[in-house]
Each structure stands twice: as C-alpha cells, then as structure tokens.
Amino acid sequence: MPTRDQAEAAIFVCQLFSNLFQPIYVFRYDARAKTIYVQGGVNDDISMVIFEDGNWEFVL
C-alpha cells in the first residue's frame, strides 16, 4: 500500500503530465520495492519512480 506522501506525490506527477498534455501509459505500484512507476509522454519517453518518502526522480 502506498504511503500518504507517496500518494500525494503520485497525484502531483500525474497532474504535471496532464498540465503538459502528455499521456500516461503505465502507472504501477510495486509492492516488493514499495515504489510507484509512471511512464508516459507523446513518444513514451518519460519515466519516473516515486519513493515511499514522496521523493521522485526521472528514470533513464
């Protein structure tokens, strides 16, 4: 189950995608790693990981 900080960060990240008119293709919570993975963009080239503490980073 995502933490509250992680859930709020996920909402923020999804809102960023929406504000920039970018589609989201993958939104996944990994229970083992306790991370949320978001992938999207017009060319499917934006990937982010959201950690338990609410911090997020781009994945290359």
PDB file of N, CA and C in Angstrom:
ATOM      1  N   MET A   1       0.835  -1.176   0.000  1.00  0.00           N
ATOM      2  CA  MET A   1       0.000   0.000   0.000  1.00  0.00           C
ATOM      3  C   MET A   1       0.886   1.247   0.000  1.00  0.00           C
ATOM      4  N   PRO A   2       0.634   2.181  -0.891  1.00  0.00           N
ATOM      5  CA  PRO A   2       1.444   3.406  -0.931  1.00  0.00           C
ATOM      6  C   PRO A   2       1.290   4.229   0.353  1.00  0.00           C
ATOM      7  N   THR A   3       2.341   4.952   0.709  1.00  0.00           N
ATOM      8  CA  THR A   3       2.282   5.857   1.848  1.00  0.00           C
ATOM      9  C   THR A   3       1.511   7.113   1.446  1.00  0.00           C
ATOM     10  N   ARG A   4       1.141   7.900   2.417  1.00  0.00           N
ATOM     11  CA  ARG A   4       0.418   9.145   2.127  1.00  0.00           C
ATOM     12  C   ARG A   4       1.283  10.092   1.301  1.00  0.00           C
ATOM     13  N   ASP A   5       2.566  10.231   1.685  1.00  0.00           N
ATOM     14  CA  ASP A   5       3.483  11.094   0.929  1.00  0.00           C
ATOM     15  C   ASP A   5       3.629  10.610  -0.506  1.00  0.00           C
ATOM     16  N   GLN A   6       3.708   9.314  -0.669  1.00  0.00           N
ATOM     17  CA  GLN A   6       3.863   8.723  -1.995  1.00  0.00           C
ATOM     18  C   GLN A   6       2.598   8.958  -2.836  1.00  0.00           C
ATOM     19  N   ALA A   7       1.451   8.805  -2.227  1.00  0.00           N
ATOM     20  CA  ALA A   7       0.193   9.031  -2.945  1.00  0.00           C
ATOM     21  C   ALA A   7       0.045  10.491  -3.377  1.00  0.00           C
ATOM     22  N   GLU A   8       0.422  11.414  -2.491  1.00  0.00           N
ATOM     23  CA  GLU A   8       0.347  12.833  -2.840  1.00  0.00           C
ATOM     24  C   GLU A   8       1.322  13.175  -3.960  1.00  0.00           C
ATOM     25  N   ALA A   9       2.510  12.576  -3.929  1.00  0.00           N
ATOM     26  CA  ALA A   9       3.490  12.799  -4.997  1.00  0.00           C
ATOM     27  C   ALA A   9       2.978  12.227  -6.312  1.00  0.00           C
ATOM     28  N   ALA A  10       2.295  11.088  -6.263  1.00  0.00           N
ATOM     29  CA  ALA A  10       1.732  10.482  -7.477  1.00  0.00           C
ATOM     30  C   ALA A  10       0.685  11.403  -8.097  1.00  0.00           C
ATOM     31  N   ILE A  11      -0.141  12.010  -7.262  1.00  0.00           N
ATOM     32  CA  ILE A  11      -1.138  12.954  -7.765  1.00  0.00           C
ATOM     33  C   ILE A  11      -0.439  14.137  -8.424  1.00  0.00           C
ATOM     34  N   PHE A  12       0.603  14.645  -7.779  1.00  0.00           N
ATOM     35  CA  PHE A  12       1.361  15.772  -8.318  1.00  0.00           C
ATOM     36  C   PHE A  12       1.978  15.429  -9.674  1.00  0.00           C
ATOM     37  N   VAL A  13       2.606  14.258  -9.771  1.00  0.00           N
ATOM     38  CA  VAL A  13       3.255  13.834 -11.012  1.00  0.00           C
ATOM     39  C   VAL A  13       2.218  13.659 -12.125  1.00  0.00           C
ATOM     40  N   CYS A  14       1.096  13.041 -11.809  1.00  0.00           N
ATOM     41  CA  CYS A  14       0.045  12.862 -12.823  1.00  0.00           C
ATOM     42  C   CYS A  14      -0.517  14.211 -13.266  1.00  0.00           C
ATOM     43  N   GLN A  15      -0.620  15.156 -12.335  1.00  0.00           N
ATOM     44  CA  GLN A  15      -1.089  16.489 -12.693  1.00  0.00           C
ATOM     45  C   GLN A  15      -0.094  17.179 -13.622  1.00  0.00           C
ATOM     46  N   LEU A  16       1.215  16.959 -13.399  1.00  0.00           N
ATOM     47  CA  LEU A  16       2.228  17.510 -14.306  1.00  0.00           C
ATOM     48  C   LEU A  16       2.036  16.982 -15.722  1.00  0.00           C
ATOM     49  N   PHE A  17       1.844  15.682 -15.846  1.00  0.00           N
ATOM     50  CA  PHE A  17       1.588  15.086 -17.161  1.00  0.00           C
ATOM     51  C   PHE A  17       0.368  15.743 -17.805  1.00  0.00           C
ATOM     52  N   SER A  18      -0.697  15.884 -17.026  1.00  0.00           N
ATOM     53  CA  SER A  18      -1.936  16.451 -17.543  1.00  0.00           C
ATOM     54  C   SER A  18      -1.761  17.904 -17.982  1.00  0.00           C
ATOM     55  N   ASN A  19      -1.093  18.691 -17.162  1.00  0.00           N
ATOM     56  CA  ASN A  19      -0.892  20.105 -17.493  1.00  0.00           C
ATOM     57  C   ASN A  19      -0.073  20.281 -18.771  1.00  0.00           C
ATOM     58  N   LEU A  20       0.801  19.338 -19.053  1.00  0.00           N
ATOM     59  CA  LEU A  20       1.643  19.402 -20.247  1.00  0.00           C
ATOM     60  C   LEU A  20       1.047  18.613 -21.417  1.00  0.00           C
ATOM     61  N   PHE A  21      -0.210  18.181 -21.268  1.00  0.00           N
ATOM     62  CA  PHE A  21      -0.920  17.422 -22.310  1.00  0.00           C
ATOM     63  C   PHE A  21      -0.147  16.180 -22.742  1.00  0.00           C
ATOM     64  N   GLN A  22       0.416  15.467 -21.763  1.00  0.00           N
ATOM     65  CA  GLN A  22       1.170  14.246 -22.024  1.00  0.00           C
ATOM     66  C   GLN A  22       0.357  13.034 -21.564  1.00  0.00           C
ATOM     67  N   PRO A  23       0.246  12.016 -22.390  1.00  0.00           N
ATOM     68  CA  PRO A  23      -0.487  10.810 -21.978  1.00  0.00           C
ATOM     69  C   PRO A  23       0.319   9.998 -20.970  1.00  0.00           C
ATOM     70  N   ILE A  24      -0.381   9.251 -20.134  1.00  0.00           N
ATOM     71  CA  ILE A  24       0.241   8.312 -19.202  1.00  0.00           C
ATOM     72  C   ILE A  24      -0.088   6.918 -19.703  1.00  0.00           C
ATOM     73  N   TYR A  25       0.944   6.116 -19.934  1.00  0.00           N
ATOM     74  CA  TYR A  25       0.753   4.761 -20.448  1.00  0.00           C
ATOM     75  C   TYR A  25       0.843   3.696 -19.367  1.00  0.00           C
ATOM     76  N   VAL A  26       1.701   3.917 -18.375  1.00  0.00           N
ATOM     77  CA  VAL A  26       1.885   2.931 -17.312  1.00  0.00           C
ATOM     78  C   VAL A  26       1.858   3.649 -15.967  1.00  0.00           C
ATOM     79  N   PHE A  27       1.059   3.132 -15.046  1.00  0.00           N
ATOM     80  CA  PHE A  27       1.035   3.606 -13.666  1.00  0.00           C
ATOM     81  C   PHE A  27       0.995   2.352 -12.817  1.00  0.00           C
ATOM     82  N   ARG A  28       2.072   2.075 -12.095  1.00  0.00           N
ATOM     83  CA  ARG A  28       2.169   0.793 -11.404  1.00  0.00           C
ATOM     84  C   ARG A  28       2.764   0.959 -10.021  1.00  0.00           C
ATOM     85  N   TYR A  29       2.166   0.306  -9.035  1.00  0.00           N
ATOM     86  CA  TYR A  29       2.728   0.235  -7.688  1.00  0.00           C
ATOM     87  C   TYR A  29       3.415  -1.108  -7.541  1.00  0.00           C
ATOM     88  N   ASP A  30       4.683  -1.092  -7.181  1.00  0.00           N
ATOM     89  CA  ASP A  30       5.448  -2.318  -6.959  1.00  0.00           C
ATOM     90  C   ASP A  30       5.500  -2.565  -5.456  1.00  0.00           C
ATOM     91  N   ALA A  31       4.733  -3.539  -4.982  1.00  0.00           N
ATOM     92  CA  ALA A  31       4.639  -3.815  -3.550  1.00  0.00           C
ATOM     93  C   ALA A  31       5.957  -4.312  -2.974  1.00  0.00           C
ATOM     94  N   ARG A  32       6.744  -5.001  -3.775  1.00  0.00           N
ATOM     95  CA  ARG A  32       8.016  -5.528  -3.281  1.00  0.00           C
ATOM     96  C   ARG A  32       9.032  -4.406  -3.084  1.00  0.00           C
ATOM     97  N   ALA A  33       9.146  -3.512  -4.060  1.00  0.00           N
ATOM     98  CA  ALA A  33      10.100  -2.395  -3.974  1.00  0.00           C
ATOM     99  C   ALA A  33       9.494  -1.184  -3.272  1.00  0.00           C
ATOM    100  N   LYS A  34       8.160  -1.202  -3.088  1.00  0.00           N
ATOM    101  CA  LYS A  34       7.422  -0.106  -2.469  1.00  0.00           C
ATOM    102  C   LYS A  34       7.643   1.213  -3.203  1.00  0.00           C
ATOM    103  N   THR A  35       7.547   1.148  -4.529  1.00  0.00           N
ATOM    104  CA  THR A  35       7.686   2.326  -5.375  1.00  0.00           C
ATOM    105  C   THR A  35       6.514   2.394  -6.348  1.00  0.00           C
ATOM    106  N   ILE A  36       6.268   3.597  -6.842  1.00  0.00           N
ATOM    107  CA  ILE A  36       5.280   3.801  -7.898  1.00  0.00           C
ATOM    108  C   ILE A  36       6.056   4.177  -9.152  1.00  0.00           C
ATOM    109  N   TYR A  37       5.721   3.531 -10.252  1.00  0.00           N
ATOM    110  CA  TYR A  37       6.374   3.791 -11.535  1.00  0.00           C
ATOM    111  C   TYR A  37       5.349   4.420 -12.472  1.00  0.00           C
ATOM    112  N   VAL A  38       5.718   5.540 -13.090  1.00  0.00           N
ATOM    113  CA  VAL A  38       4.840   6.223 -14.037  1.00  0.00           C
ATOM    114  C   VAL A  38       5.608   6.415 -15.340  1.00  0.00           C
ATOM    115  N   GLN A  39       4.997   6.009 -16.444  1.00  0.00           N
ATOM    116  CA  GLN A  39       5.627   6.151 -17.752  1.00  0.00           C
ATOM    117  C   GLN A  39       4.634   6.767 -18.714  1.00  0.00           C
ATOM    118  N   GLY A  40       5.110   7.719 -19.517  1.00  0.00           N
ATOM    119  CA  GLY A  40       4.218   8.368 -20.464  1.00  0.00           C
ATOM    120  C   GLY A  40       4.966   9.282 -21.403  1.00  0.00           C
ATOM    121  N   GLY A  41       4.243  10.258 -21.910  1.00  0.00           N
ATOM    122  CA  GLY A  41       4.796  11.189 -22.885  1.00  0.00           C
ATOM    123  C   GLY A  41       4.323  10.825 -24.273  1.00  0.00           C
ATOM    124  N   VAL A  42       4.281  11.812 -25.149  1.00  0.00           N
ATOM    125  CA  VAL A  42       3.803  11.587 -26.512  1.00  0.00           C
ATOM    126  C   VAL A  42       4.607  10.482 -27.191  1.00  0.00           C
ATOM    127  N   ASN A  43       5.903  10.471 -26.980  1.00  0.00           N
ATOM    128  CA  ASN A  43       6.769   9.440 -27.570  1.00  0.00           C
ATOM    129  C   ASN A  43       7.093   8.331 -26.581  1.00  0.00           C
ATOM    130  N   ASP A  44       6.324   8.249 -25.483  1.00  0.00           N
ATOM    131  CA  ASP A  44       6.532   7.232 -24.453  1.00  0.00           C
ATOM    132  C   ASP A  44       7.957   7.278 -23.915  1.00  0.00           C
ATOM    133  N   ASP A  45       8.464   8.494 -23.678  1.00  0.00           N
ATOM    134  CA  ASP A  45       9.875   8.646 -23.307  1.00  0.00           C
ATOM    135  C   ASP A  45      10.098   9.274 -21.938  1.00  0.00           C
ATOM    136  N   ILE A  46       9.049   9.419 -21.137  1.00  0.00           N
ATOM    137  CA  ILE A  46       9.187   9.988 -19.801  1.00  0.00           C
ATOM    138  C   ILE A  46       8.875   8.891 -18.783  1.00  0.00           C
ATOM    139  N   SER A  47       9.833   8.615 -17.904  1.00  0.00           N
ATOM    140  CA  SER A  47       9.646   7.602 -16.866  1.00  0.00           C
ATOM    141  C   SER A  47      10.046   8.186 -15.520  1.00  0.00           C
ATOM    142  N   MET A  48       9.235   7.914 -14.504  1.00  0.00           N
ATOM    143  CA  MET A  48       9.502   8.409 -13.162  1.00  0.00           C
ATOM    144  C   MET A  48       9.259   7.325 -12.144  1.00  0.00           C
ATOM    145  N   VAL A  49      10.021   7.385 -11.053  1.00  0.00           N
ATOM    146  CA  VAL A  49       9.809   6.499  -9.914  1.00  0.00           C
ATOM    147  C   VAL A  49       9.525   7.370  -8.707  1.00  0.00           C
ATOM    148  N   ILE A  50       8.493   7.009  -7.954  1.00  0.00           N
ATOM    149  CA  ILE A  50       8.127   7.730  -6.740  1.00  0.00           C
ATOM    150  C   ILE A  50       8.408   6.816  -5.556  1.00  0.00           C
ATOM    151  N   PHE A  51       9.223   7.308  -4.640  1.00  0.00           N
ATOM    152  CA  PHE A  51       9.649   6.517  -3.485  1.00  0.00           C
ATOM    153  C   PHE A  51       8.703   6.708  -2.301  1.00  0.00           C
ATOM    154  N   GLU A  52       8.863   5.877  -1.268  1.00  0.00           N
ATOM    155  CA  GLU A  52       7.983   5.898  -0.100  1.00  0.00           C
ATOM    156  C   GLU A  52       7.912   7.260   0.586  1.00  0.00           C
ATOM    157  N   ASP A  53       9.015   7.995   0.583  1.00  0.00           N
ATOM    158  CA  ASP A  53       9.050   9.287   1.272  1.00  0.00           C
ATOM    159  C   ASP A  53       8.441  10.421   0.448  1.00  0.00           C
ATOM    160  N   GLY A  54       7.947  10.114  -0.758  1.00  0.00           N
ATOM    161  CA  GLY A  54       7.320  11.115  -1.595  1.00  0.00           C
ATOM    162  C   GLY A  54       8.268  11.755  -2.600  1.00  0.00           C
ATOM    163  N   ASN A  55       9.563  11.489  -2.475  1.00  0.00           N
ATOM    164  CA  ASN A  55      10.514  11.998  -3.458  1.00  0.00           C
ATOM    165  C   ASN A  55      10.377  11.200  -4.742  1.00  0.00           C
ATOM    166  N   TRP A  56      10.630  11.859  -5.864  1.00  0.00           N
ATOM    167  CA  TRP A  56      10.545  11.187  -7.152  1.00  0.00           C
ATOM    168  C   TRP A  56      11.721  11.603  -8.016  1.00  0.00           C
ATOM    169  N   GLU A  57      12.013  10.757  -8.988  1.00  0.00           N
ATOM    170  CA  GLU A  57      13.111  11.052  -9.911  1.00  0.00           C
ATOM    171  C   GLU A  57      12.806  10.457 -11.264  1.00  0.00           C
ATOM    172  N   PHE A  58      13.409  11.062 -12.275  1.00  0.00           N
ATOM    173  CA  PHE A  58      13.295  10.530 -13.631  1.00  0.00           C
ATOM    174  C   PHE A  58      14.160   9.293 -13.759  1.00  0.00           C
ATOM    175  N   VAL A  59      13.705   8.354 -14.564  1.00  0.00           N
ATOM    176  CA  VAL A  59      14.448   7.127 -14.847  1.00  0.00           C
ATOM    177  C   VAL A  59      14.851   7.169 -16.301  1.00  0.00           C
ATOM    178  N   LEU A  60      16.097   6.890 -16.564  1.00  0.00           N
ATOM    179  CA  LEU A  60      16.577   6.894 -17.945  1.00  0.00           C
ATOM    180  C   LEU A  60      16.557   5.523 -18.536  1.00  0.00           C
TER     181      LEU A  60
END
